[in-house]
Structure formats: structure tokens, C-alpha cells
PDB file of N, CA and C in Angstrom:
ATOM      1  N   MET A   1       0.859  -1.228  -0.201  1.00  0.00           N
ATOM      2  CA  MET A   1       0.134  -0.047   0.123  1.00  0.00           C
ATOM      3  C   MET A   1       0.802   1.218  -0.113  1.00  0.00           C
ATOM      4  N   SER A   2       0.315   2.364  -0.895  1.00  0.00           N
ATOM      5  CA  SER A   2       1.345   3.370  -1.052  1.00  0.00           C
ATOM      6  C   SER A   2       0.921   4.510  -0.297  1.00  0.00           C
ATOM      7  N   ARG A   3       1.842   5.229   0.215  1.00  0.00           N
ATOM      8  CA  ARG A   3       1.173   6.397   0.998  1.00  0.00           C
ATOM      9  C   ARG A   3       1.347   7.659   0.355  1.00  0.00           C
ATOM     10  N   VAL A   4       0.456   8.460   0.453  1.00  0.00           N
ATOM     11  CA  VAL A   4       0.466   9.948  -0.152  1.00  0.00           C
ATOM     12  C   VAL A   4       1.200  10.572   0.859  1.00  0.00           C
ATOM     13  N   PRO A   5       2.091  11.265   0.497  1.00  0.00           N
ATOM     14  CA  PRO A   5       2.763  12.367   1.398  1.00  0.00           C
ATOM     15  C   PRO A   5       1.852  13.802   1.572  1.00  0.00           C
ATOM     16  N   ALA A   6       1.895  13.975   3.057  1.00  0.00           N
ATOM     17  CA  ALA A   6       0.992  15.325   3.372  1.00  0.00           C
ATOM     18  C   ALA A   6       1.654  16.442   2.661  1.00  0.00           C
ATOM     19  N   PRO A   7       0.957  17.456   2.208  1.00  0.00           N
ATOM     20  CA  PRO A   7       1.270  18.637   1.594  1.00  0.00           C
ATOM     21  C   PRO A   7       2.299  19.437   2.948  1.00  0.00           C
ATOM     22  N   THR A   8       3.010  20.109   2.001  1.00  0.00           N
ATOM     23  CA  THR A   8       4.070  21.019   2.819  1.00  0.00           C
ATOM     24  C   THR A   8       3.539  22.192   3.175  1.00  0.00           C
ATOM     25  N   PRO A   9       3.667  22.900   4.224  1.00  0.00           N
ATOM     26  CA  PRO A   9       3.283  24.455   4.534  1.00  0.00           C
ATOM     27  C   PRO A   9       3.486  25.257   3.009  1.00  0.00           C
ATOM     28  N   GLU A  10       4.877  25.183   2.865  1.00  0.00           N
ATOM     29  CA  GLU A  10       5.101  26.082   1.780  1.00  0.00           C
ATOM     30  C   GLU A  10       4.614  25.900   0.451  1.00  0.00           C
ATOM     31  N   LEU A  11       4.114  24.796   0.141  1.00  0.00           N
ATOM     32  CA  LEU A  11       3.265  24.441  -1.106  1.00  0.00           C
ATOM     33  C   LEU A  11       2.122  25.203  -0.976  1.00  0.00           C
ATOM     34  N   ASP A  12       1.493  24.795   0.174  1.00  0.00           N
ATOM     35  CA  ASP A  12      -0.065  25.469   0.487  1.00  0.00           C
ATOM     36  C   ASP A  12      -0.031  26.917   0.327  1.00  0.00           C
ATOM     37  N   GLU A  13       1.175  27.642   0.860  1.00  0.00           N
ATOM     38  CA  GLU A  13       1.331  29.009   0.974  1.00  0.00           C
ATOM     39  C   GLU A  13       1.451  29.742  -0.640  1.00  0.00           C
ATOM     40  N   VAL A  14       2.096  28.899  -1.403  1.00  0.00           N
ATOM     41  CA  VAL A  14       2.358  29.350  -2.769  1.00  0.00           C
ATOM     42  C   VAL A  14       0.993  29.217  -3.275  1.00  0.00           C
ATOM     43  N   GLU A  15       0.344  28.149  -3.142  1.00  0.00           N
ATOM     44  CA  GLU A  15      -1.060  27.973  -3.608  1.00  0.00           C
ATOM     45  C   GLU A  15      -2.139  28.928  -3.361  1.00  0.00           C
ATOM     46  N   ARG A  16      -2.132  29.319  -2.334  1.00  0.00           N
ATOM     47  CA  ARG A  16      -3.131  30.515  -1.648  1.00  0.00           C
ATOM     48  C   ARG A  16      -2.784  31.755  -2.398  1.00  0.00           C
ATOM     49  N   THR A  17      -1.595  31.957  -2.400  1.00  0.00           N
ATOM     50  CA  THR A  17      -1.047  33.335  -2.814  1.00  0.00           C
ATOM     51  C   THR A  17      -1.223  33.509  -4.288  1.00  0.00           C
ATOM     52  N   ASP A  18      -0.997  32.244  -5.089  1.00  0.00           N
ATOM     53  CA  ASP A  18      -1.225  32.300  -6.556  1.00  0.00           C
ATOM     54  C   ASP A  18      -2.674  32.946  -6.982  1.00  0.00           C
ATOM     55  N   SER A  19      -3.572  32.102  -6.303  1.00  0.00           N
ATOM     56  CA  SER A  19      -4.782  32.177  -6.395  1.00  0.00           C
ATOM     57  C   SER A  19      -5.459  33.625  -6.120  1.00  0.00           C
ATOM     58  N   ALA A  20      -4.811  33.784  -5.145  1.00  0.00           N
ATOM     59  CA  ALA A  20      -5.303  35.224  -4.392  1.00  0.00           C
ATOM     60  C   ALA A  20      -4.677  36.609  -5.537  1.00  0.00           C
ATOM     61  N   VAL A  21      -3.739  36.392  -6.159  1.00  0.00           N
ATOM     62  CA  VAL A  21      -3.200  37.247  -6.826  1.00  0.00           C
ATOM     63  C   VAL A  21      -3.892  37.278  -8.416  1.00  0.00           C
ATOM     64  N   GLY A  22      -4.138  36.326  -8.684  1.00  0.00           N
ATOM     65  CA  GLY A  22      -4.854  36.254 -10.213  1.00  0.00           C
ATOM     66  C   GLY A  22      -3.788  36.670 -11.227  1.00  0.00           C
ATOM     67  N   PRO A  23      -4.204  36.628 -12.436  1.00  0.00           N
ATOM     68  CA  PRO A  23      -3.259  36.713 -13.672  1.00  0.00           C
ATOM     69  C   PRO A  23      -2.714  38.033 -13.845  1.00  0.00           C
ATOM     70  N   PRO A  24      -1.554  38.303 -13.960  1.00  0.00           N
ATOM     71  CA  PRO A  24      -0.817  39.453 -14.120  1.00  0.00           C
ATOM     72  C   PRO A  24      -1.540  40.537 -15.302  1.00  0.00           C
ATOM     73  N   TRP A  25      -1.350  41.720 -15.163  1.00  0.00           N
ATOM     74  CA  TRP A  25      -1.516  42.787 -16.150  1.00  0.00           C
ATOM     75  C   TRP A  25      -0.248  43.246 -16.647  1.00  0.00           C
ATOM     76  N   MET A  26      -0.247  44.134 -17.706  1.00  0.00           N
ATOM     77  CA  MET A  26       0.766  44.659 -18.265  1.00  0.00           C
ATOM     78  C   MET A  26       0.079  45.846 -18.990  1.00  0.00           C
ATOM     79  N   THR A  27       1.344  47.000 -18.946  1.00  0.00           N
ATOM     80  CA  THR A  27       1.301  48.144 -19.742  1.00  0.00           C
ATOM     81  C   THR A  27       2.113  48.256 -20.800  1.00  0.00           C
ATOM     82  N   ILE A  28       1.452  48.484 -21.795  1.00  0.00           N
ATOM     83  CA  ILE A  28       2.228  48.551 -23.051  1.00  0.00           C
ATOM     84  C   ILE A  28       2.118  49.971 -23.695  1.00  0.00           C
ATOM     85  N   LEU A  29       3.734  50.231 -23.894  1.00  0.00           N
ATOM     86  CA  LEU A  29       3.494  51.674 -24.542  1.00  0.00           C
ATOM     87  C   LEU A  29       3.590  51.615 -26.098  1.00  0.00           C
ATOM     88  N   HIS A  30       2.843  52.288 -26.970  1.00  0.00           N
ATOM     89  CA  HIS A  30       2.812  52.271 -28.072  1.00  0.00           C
ATOM     90  C   HIS A  30       3.593  53.521 -28.916  1.00  0.00           C
ATOM     91  N   ASN A  31       4.166  53.401 -30.058  1.00  0.00           N
ATOM     92  CA  ASN A  31       4.721  54.276 -30.887  1.00  0.00           C
ATOM     93  C   ASN A  31       3.824  55.541 -31.096  1.00  0.00           C
ATOM     94  N   CYS A  32       4.403  56.723 -31.305  1.00  0.00           N
ATOM     95  CA  CYS A  32       4.001  57.866 -31.741  1.00  0.00           C
ATOM     96  C   CYS A  32       4.869  58.839 -32.066  1.00  0.00           C
ATOM     97  N   ASP A  33       4.735  59.646 -33.131  1.00  0.00           N
ATOM     98  CA  ASP A  33       5.606  60.448 -33.636  1.00  0.00           C
ATOM     99  C   ASP A  33       5.222  61.974 -32.975  1.00  0.00           C
ATOM    100  N   CYS A  34       4.982  62.369 -31.782  1.00  0.00           N
ATOM    101  CA  CYS A  34       4.705  63.175 -31.190  1.00  0.00           C
ATOM    102  C   CYS A  34       5.552  63.517 -30.146  1.00  0.00           C
ATOM    103  N   HIS A  35       6.406  62.802 -29.779  1.00  0.00           N
ATOM    104  CA  HIS A  35       7.512  62.893 -28.662  1.00  0.00           C
ATOM    105  C   HIS A  35       8.795  62.781 -29.299  1.00  0.00           C
ATOM    106  N   THR A  36       9.634  63.530 -28.315  1.00  0.00           N
ATOM    107  CA  THR A  36      11.248  63.382 -28.469  1.00  0.00           C
ATOM    108  C   THR A  36      11.513  61.943 -27.835  1.00  0.00           C
ATOM    109  N   PHE A  37      12.724  61.315 -28.112  1.00  0.00           N
ATOM    110  CA  PHE A  37      13.060  60.372 -27.464  1.00  0.00           C
ATOM    111  C   PHE A  37      13.515  60.924 -25.943  1.00  0.00           C
ATOM    112  N   GLU A  38      14.234  62.144 -25.692  1.00  0.00           N
ATOM    113  CA  GLU A  38      14.410  62.599 -24.540  1.00  0.00           C
ATOM    114  C   GLU A  38      13.035  62.529 -23.601  1.00  0.00           C
ATOM    115  N   GLU A  39      11.913  63.171 -24.315  1.00  0.00           N
ATOM    116  CA  GLU A  39      10.621  63.218 -23.705  1.00  0.00           C
ATOM    117  C   GLU A  39      10.124  61.585 -23.084  1.00  0.00           C
ATOM    118  N   VAL A  40      10.302  60.830 -23.769  1.00  0.00           N
ATOM    119  CA  VAL A  40       9.730  59.508 -23.724  1.00  0.00           C
ATOM    120  C   VAL A  40      10.685  58.815 -22.515  1.00  0.00           C
ATOM    121  N   VAL A  41      11.952  59.091 -22.752  1.00  0.00           N
ATOM    122  CA  VAL A  41      12.914  58.594 -21.782  1.00  0.00           C
ATOM    123  C   VAL A  41      12.784  59.103 -20.358  1.00  0.00           C
ATOM    124  N   ARG A  42      12.603  60.340 -20.319  1.00  0.00           N
ATOM    125  CA  ARG A  42      12.388  60.920 -18.797  1.00  0.00           C
ATOM    126  C   ARG A  42      10.985  60.392 -18.475  1.00  0.00           C
ATOM    127  N   GLN A  43      10.021  60.093 -19.242  1.00  0.00           N
ATOM    128  CA  GLN A  43       8.642  59.880 -18.771  1.00  0.00           C
ATOM    129  C   GLN A  43       8.722  58.497 -18.204  1.00  0.00           C
ATOM    130  N   LEU A  44       9.591  57.516 -19.068  1.00  0.00           N
ATOM    131  CA  LEU A  44       9.645  55.979 -18.424  1.00  0.00           C
ATOM    132  C   LEU A  44      10.520  55.992 -17.278  1.00  0.00           C
ATOM    133  N   MET A  45      11.370  57.047 -16.950  1.00  0.00           N
ATOM    134  CA  MET A  45      12.260  56.887 -15.820  1.00  0.00           C
ATOM    135  C   MET A  45      11.403  57.159 -14.419  1.00  0.00           C
ATOM    136  N   LYS A  46      10.202  58.187 -14.913  1.00  0.00           N
ATOM    137  CA  LYS A  46       9.445  58.313 -13.843  1.00  0.00           C
ATOM    138  C   LYS A  46       8.208  57.523 -13.654  1.00  0.00           C
ATOM    139  N   ALA A  47       8.080  56.823 -14.623  1.00  0.00           N
ATOM    140  CA  ALA A  47       6.945  55.816 -14.325  1.00  0.00           C
ATOM    141  C   ALA A  47       7.302  54.400 -13.955  1.00  0.00           C
ATOM    142  N   ILE A  48       8.587  54.018 -14.189  1.00  0.00           N
ATOM    143  CA  ILE A  48       8.982  52.699 -13.743  1.00  0.00           C
ATOM    144  C   ILE A  48      10.461  52.250 -13.227  1.00  0.00           C
ATOM    145  N   ALA A  49      10.834  53.781 -12.827  1.00  0.00           N
ATOM    146  CA  ALA A  49      11.880  53.786 -12.210  1.00  0.00           C
ATOM    147  C   ALA A  49      13.183  53.418 -12.749  1.00  0.00           C
ATOM    148  N   CYS A  50      13.099  53.145 -13.985  1.00  0.00           N
ATOM    149  CA  CYS A  50      14.214  52.691 -14.754  1.00  0.00           C
ATOM    150  C   CYS A  50      15.271  53.582 -14.805  1.00  0.00           C
ATOM    151  N   SER A  51      16.622  53.272 -15.399  1.00  0.00           N
ATOM    152  CA  SER A  51      17.905  54.218 -15.501  1.00  0.00           C
ATOM    153  C   SER A  51      17.638  54.609 -16.863  1.00  0.00           C
ATOM    154  N   GLU A  52      18.548  55.937 -17.092  1.00  0.00           N
ATOM    155  CA  GLU A  52      18.372  56.379 -18.381  1.00  0.00           C
ATOM    156  C   GLU A  52      18.507  55.494 -19.437  1.00  0.00           C
ATOM    157  N   ALA A  53      19.584  54.570 -19.257  1.00  0.00           N
ATOM    158  CA  ALA A  53      19.881  53.631 -20.417  1.00  0.00           C
ATOM    159  C   ALA A  53      18.668  52.721 -20.751  1.00  0.00           C
ATOM    160  N   GLU A  54      18.147  52.247 -19.554  1.00  0.00           N
ATOM    161  CA  GLU A  54      16.871  51.492 -19.862  1.00  0.00           C
ATOM    162  C   GLU A  54      16.068  51.936 -20.441  1.00  0.00           C
ATOM    163  N   GLY A  55      15.700  53.311 -20.315  1.00  0.00           N
ATOM    164  CA  GLY A  55      14.740  54.066 -20.876  1.00  0.00           C
ATOM    165  C   GLY A  55      15.116  54.046 -22.427  1.00  0.00           C
ATOM    166  N   TRP A  56      16.124  54.289 -22.469  1.00  0.00           N
ATOM    167  CA  TRP A  56      16.419  54.418 -24.123  1.00  0.00           C
ATOM    168  C   TRP A  56      16.413  53.230 -24.798  1.00  0.00           C
ATOM    169  N   GLU A  57      16.826  52.067 -24.118  1.00  0.00           N
ATOM    170  CA  GLU A  57      16.441  50.820 -24.745  1.00  0.00           C
ATOM    171  C   GLU A  57      14.586  50.522 -25.259  1.00  0.00           C
ATOM    172  N   ILE A  58      14.115  50.819 -24.087  1.00  0.00           N
ATOM    173  CA  ILE A  58      12.649  50.797 -24.387  1.00  0.00           C
ATOM    174  C   ILE A  58      11.798  51.736 -25.482  1.00  0.00           C
ATOM    175  N   ALA A  59      12.620  52.837 -25.268  1.00  0.00           N
ATOM    176  CA  ALA A  59      12.304  53.733 -26.501  1.00  0.00           C
ATOM    177  C   ALA A  59      12.746  53.708 -28.015  1.00  0.00           C
ATOM    178  N   TRP A  60      13.984  53.100 -27.934  1.00  0.00           N
ATOM    179  CA  TRP A  60      14.197  52.672 -29.652  1.00  0.00           C
ATOM    180  C   TRP A  60      13.370  51.262 -29.628  1.00  0.00           C
ATOM    181  N   GLN A  61      13.017  50.172 -28.820  1.00  0.00           N
ATOM    182  CA  GLN A  61      12.202  49.272 -29.249  1.00  0.00           C
ATOM    183  C   GLN A  61      10.616  49.785 -29.619  1.00  0.00           C
ATOM    184  N   VAL A  62      10.258  50.800 -29.052  1.00  0.00           N
ATOM    185  CA  VAL A  62       8.806  51.176 -28.995  1.00  0.00           C
ATOM    186  C   VAL A  62       9.005  51.808 -30.811  1.00  0.00           C
ATOM    187  N   HIS A  63       9.962  52.661 -30.797  1.00  0.00           N
ATOM    188  CA  HIS A  63      10.312  53.248 -32.181  1.00  0.00           C
ATOM    189  C   HIS A  63      10.340  52.213 -33.160  1.00  0.00           C
ATOM    190  N   ASN A  64      11.007  51.273 -32.941  1.00  0.00           N
ATOM    191  CA  ASN A  64      11.356  50.220 -33.926  1.00  0.00           C
ATOM    192  C   ASN A  64      10.394  49.053 -34.309  1.00  0.00           C
ATOM    193  N   THR A  65       9.761  48.700 -33.221  1.00  0.00           N
ATOM    194  CA  THR A  65       8.505  47.644 -33.345  1.00  0.00           C
ATOM    195  C   THR A  65       7.202  48.249 -33.142  1.00  0.00           C
ATOM    196  N   GLY A  66       6.972  49.336 -32.904  1.00  0.00           N
ATOM    197  CA  GLY A  66       5.418  49.850 -32.426  1.00  0.00           C
ATOM    198  C   GLY A  66       5.231  49.937 -31.184  1.00  0.00           C
ATOM    199  N   LYS A  67       5.678  49.196 -30.262  1.00  0.00           N
ATOM    200  CA  LYS A  67       4.818  49.119 -29.017  1.00  0.00           C
ATOM    201  C   LYS A  67       6.126  48.343 -28.077  1.00  0.00           C
ATOM    202  N   ALA A  68       6.058  48.417 -26.663  1.00  0.00           N
ATOM    203  CA  ALA A  68       6.610  47.646 -26.005  1.00  0.00           C
ATOM    204  C   ALA A  68       5.953  47.157 -24.593  1.00  0.00           C
ATOM    205  N   VAL A  69       6.283  46.105 -23.822  1.00  0.00           N
ATOM    206  CA  VAL A  69       5.376  46.105 -22.651  1.00  0.00           C
ATOM    207  C   VAL A  69       6.682  46.428 -21.607  1.00  0.00           C
ATOM    208  N   VAL A  70       6.163  47.623 -20.882  1.00  0.00           N
ATOM    209  CA  VAL A  70       6.908  48.240 -19.620  1.00  0.00           C
ATOM    210  C   VAL A  70       6.631  47.870 -18.637  1.00  0.00           C
ATOM    211  N   LYS A  71       5.875  47.410 -18.387  1.00  0.00           N
ATOM    212  CA  LYS A  71       5.382  47.063 -16.711  1.00  0.00           C
ATOM    213  C   LYS A  71       4.453  45.623 -16.767  1.00  0.00           C
ATOM    214  N   VAL A  72       4.691  44.852 -15.957  1.00  0.00           N
ATOM    215  CA  VAL A  72       4.044  43.476 -15.687  1.00  0.00           C
ATOM    216  C   VAL A  72       3.924  43.512 -14.206  1.00  0.00           C
ATOM    217  N   GLY A  73       2.554  43.501 -13.963  1.00  0.00           N
ATOM    218  CA  GLY A  73       2.366  43.421 -12.256  1.00  0.00           C
ATOM    219  C   GLY A  73       0.829  43.327 -12.087  1.00  0.00           C
ATOM    220  N   THR A  74       0.451  43.989 -10.809  1.00  0.00           N
ATOM    221  CA  THR A  74      -1.049  43.822 -10.708  1.00  0.00           C
ATOM    222  C   THR A  74      -1.652  44.872 -11.352  1.00  0.00           C
ATOM    223  N   GLU A  75      -3.168  44.907 -11.279  1.00  0.00           N
ATOM    224  CA  GLU A  75      -4.083  45.844 -11.914  1.00  0.00           C
ATOM    225  C   GLU A  75      -3.463  47.405 -11.690  1.00  0.00           C
ATOM    226  N   ALA A  76      -3.419  47.491 -10.267  1.00  0.00           N
ATOM    227  CA  ALA A  76      -3.355  48.961  -9.832  1.00  0.00           C
ATOM    228  C   ALA A  76      -1.870  49.315 -10.071  1.00  0.00           C
ATOM    229  N   GLU A  77      -0.929  48.610 -10.095  1.00  0.00           N
ATOM    230  CA  GLU A  77       0.365  48.976 -10.682  1.00  0.00           C
ATOM    231  C   GLU A  77       0.533  49.467 -11.898  1.00  0.00           C
ATOM    232  N   CYS A  78      -0.011  48.639 -12.706  1.00  0.00           N
ATOM    233  CA  CYS A  78       0.199  48.828 -14.157  1.00  0.00           C
ATOM    234  C   CYS A  78      -0.811  50.186 -14.587  1.00  0.00           C
ATOM    235  N   VAL A  79      -1.758  50.325 -14.111  1.00  0.00           N
ATOM    236  CA  VAL A  79      -2.607  51.640 -14.160  1.00  0.00           C
ATOM    237  C   VAL A  79      -2.007  52.927 -14.026  1.00  0.00           C
ATOM    238  N   ASN A  80      -1.279  52.467 -12.952  1.00  0.00           N
ATOM    239  CA  ASN A  80      -0.555  53.709 -12.280  1.00  0.00           C
ATOM    240  C   ASN A  80       0.533  53.945 -13.102  1.00  0.00           C
ATOM    241  N   VAL A  81       1.426  53.178 -13.857  1.00  0.00           N
ATOM    242  CA  VAL A  81       2.217  53.602 -14.760  1.00  0.00           C
ATOM    243  C   VAL A  81       1.612  53.868 -15.876  1.00  0.00           C
ATOM    244  N   GLY A  82       0.794  53.335 -16.371  1.00  0.00           N
ATOM    245  CA  GLY A  82      -0.046  54.037 -17.414  1.00  0.00           C
ATOM    246  C   GLY A  82      -0.355  55.272 -17.393  1.00  0.00           C
ATOM    247  N   ASN A  83      -0.797  55.737 -16.484  1.00  0.00           N
ATOM    248  CA  ASN A  83      -1.200  57.232 -16.212  1.00  0.00           C
ATOM    249  C   ASN A  83      -0.333  58.295 -16.108  1.00  0.00           C
ATOM    250  N   ILE A  84       1.023  57.642 -15.478  1.00  0.00           N
ATOM    251  CA  ILE A  84       2.135  58.582 -15.196  1.00  0.00           C
ATOM    252  C   ILE A  84       2.603  58.512 -16.764  1.00  0.00           C
ATOM    253  N   LEU A  85       2.619  57.832 -17.728  1.00  0.00           N
ATOM    254  CA  LEU A  85       2.954  57.771 -19.080  1.00  0.00           C
ATOM    255  C   LEU A  85       2.274  58.765 -19.902  1.00  0.00           C
ATOM    256  N   ALA A  86       0.978  58.556 -19.612  1.00  0.00           N
ATOM    257  CA  ALA A  86      -0.257  59.276 -20.153  1.00  0.00           C
ATOM    258  C   ALA A  86       0.061  60.885 -19.823  1.00  0.00           C
ATOM    259  N   GLU A  87       0.333  61.153 -18.748  1.00  0.00           N
ATOM    260  CA  GLU A  87       0.639  62.620 -18.552  1.00  0.00           C
ATOM    261  C   GLU A  87       1.127  63.555 -19.517  1.00  0.00           C
ATOM    262  N   ILE A  88       2.214  63.050 -20.253  1.00  0.00           N
ATOM    263  CA  ILE A  88       2.301  63.934 -21.269  1.00  0.00           C
ATOM    264  C   ILE A  88       1.956  63.315 -22.737  1.00  0.00           C
ATOM    265  N   GLY A  89       0.913  62.642 -22.476  1.00  0.00           N
ATOM    266  CA  GLY A  89      -0.137  62.305 -24.043  1.00  0.00           C
ATOM    267  C   GLY A  89       0.454  61.171 -24.838  1.00  0.00           C
ATOM    268  N   LEU A  90       1.683  60.276 -24.073  1.00  0.00           N
ATOM    269  CA  LEU A  90       1.900  59.034 -24.534  1.00  0.00           C
ATOM    270  C   LEU A  90       0.874  57.937 -24.863  1.00  0.00           C
ATOM    271  N   ILE A  91       0.985  57.185 -25.638  1.00  0.00           N
ATOM    272  CA  ILE A  91      -0.430  56.391 -25.830  1.00  0.00           C
ATOM    273  C   ILE A  91       0.091  54.847 -25.303  1.00  0.00           C
ATOM    274  N   VAL A  92      -0.854  54.310 -24.485  1.00  0.00           N
ATOM    275  CA  VAL A  92      -0.562  53.355 -23.560  1.00  0.00           C
ATOM    276  C   VAL A  92      -1.661  52.408 -23.466  1.00  0.00           C
ATOM    277  N   THR A  93      -1.616  51.333 -23.392  1.00  0.00           N
ATOM    278  CA  THR A  93      -2.733  50.387 -22.906  1.00  0.00           C
ATOM    279  C   THR A  93      -2.500  49.536 -21.939  1.00  0.00           C
ATOM    280  N   VAL A  94      -3.404  49.224 -20.942  1.00  0.00           N
ATOM    281  CA  VAL A  94      -3.385  48.358 -19.944  1.00  0.00           C
ATOM    282  C   VAL A  94      -3.997  47.271 -20.160  1.00  0.00           C
ATOM    283  N   LEU A  95      -3.690  45.747 -19.994  1.00  0.00           N
ATOM    284  CA  LEU A  95      -4.473  44.785 -20.505  1.00  0.00           C
ATOM    285  C   LEU A  95      -4.096  43.898 -19.465  1.00  0.00           C
ATOM    286  N   GLN A  96      -4.901  42.655 -19.113  1.00  0.00           N
ATOM    287  CA  GLN A  96      -4.772  41.510 -18.610  1.00  0.00           C
ATOM    288  C   GLN A  96      -4.175  40.703 -19.179  1.00  0.00           C
ATOM    289  N   SER A  97      -3.206  40.000 -18.654  1.00  0.00           N
ATOM    290  CA  SER A  97      -2.324  39.267 -19.999  1.00  0.00           C
ATOM    291  C   SER A  97      -2.884  37.543 -19.633  1.00  0.00           C
TER     292      SER A  97
END
């Protein structure tokens, strides 16, 4: 007769946490030709607390591909980032992934 091992407390905690959080959300920055790279980089630094170099990488990705995911997190975090980016008129979308 085979014994089924008792669940560990750590596993139970992970399962409860995962079900409480739900699917992550994401903030997507879209390309537009109405802002300078410097403006976009400054706003990214403000919105996601990235370095200037990271801001430039994201800005170039948006410029070259049309969009970039700039934040993955809870709905509130992603909406907050989207609102900060939109303060200067950047085009953003917040979606549940």
C-alpha cells in the first residue's frame, strides 16, 4: 500500500498566494511621432523607475517595433504606470495578460 505524502506548508502557501493574486496585468507603450526620445525616456524613468540607459532601450524598441511592454504586475501597478506615461500624452494600453 502506497502512502500519499502530506502537503508541505510552503506549497500550501504558494497555492493560496497564486490564487489570491490572479493573472498579471501589463502596461504597453505604443509608438507615436509626437514626442522626442528624450521626453519618452524621462517619462519612462518617472513611471517605472528605470535607468536612463534602460529608458533609451525601451524607447528604441517602441520606435522600431511599434510597442513595448513596460510593466507587468497587478492591475493597480499597471494602471498607475499607464497614468504616469499618459501625463504627457503618450499612448498606452493596460491589459490583463
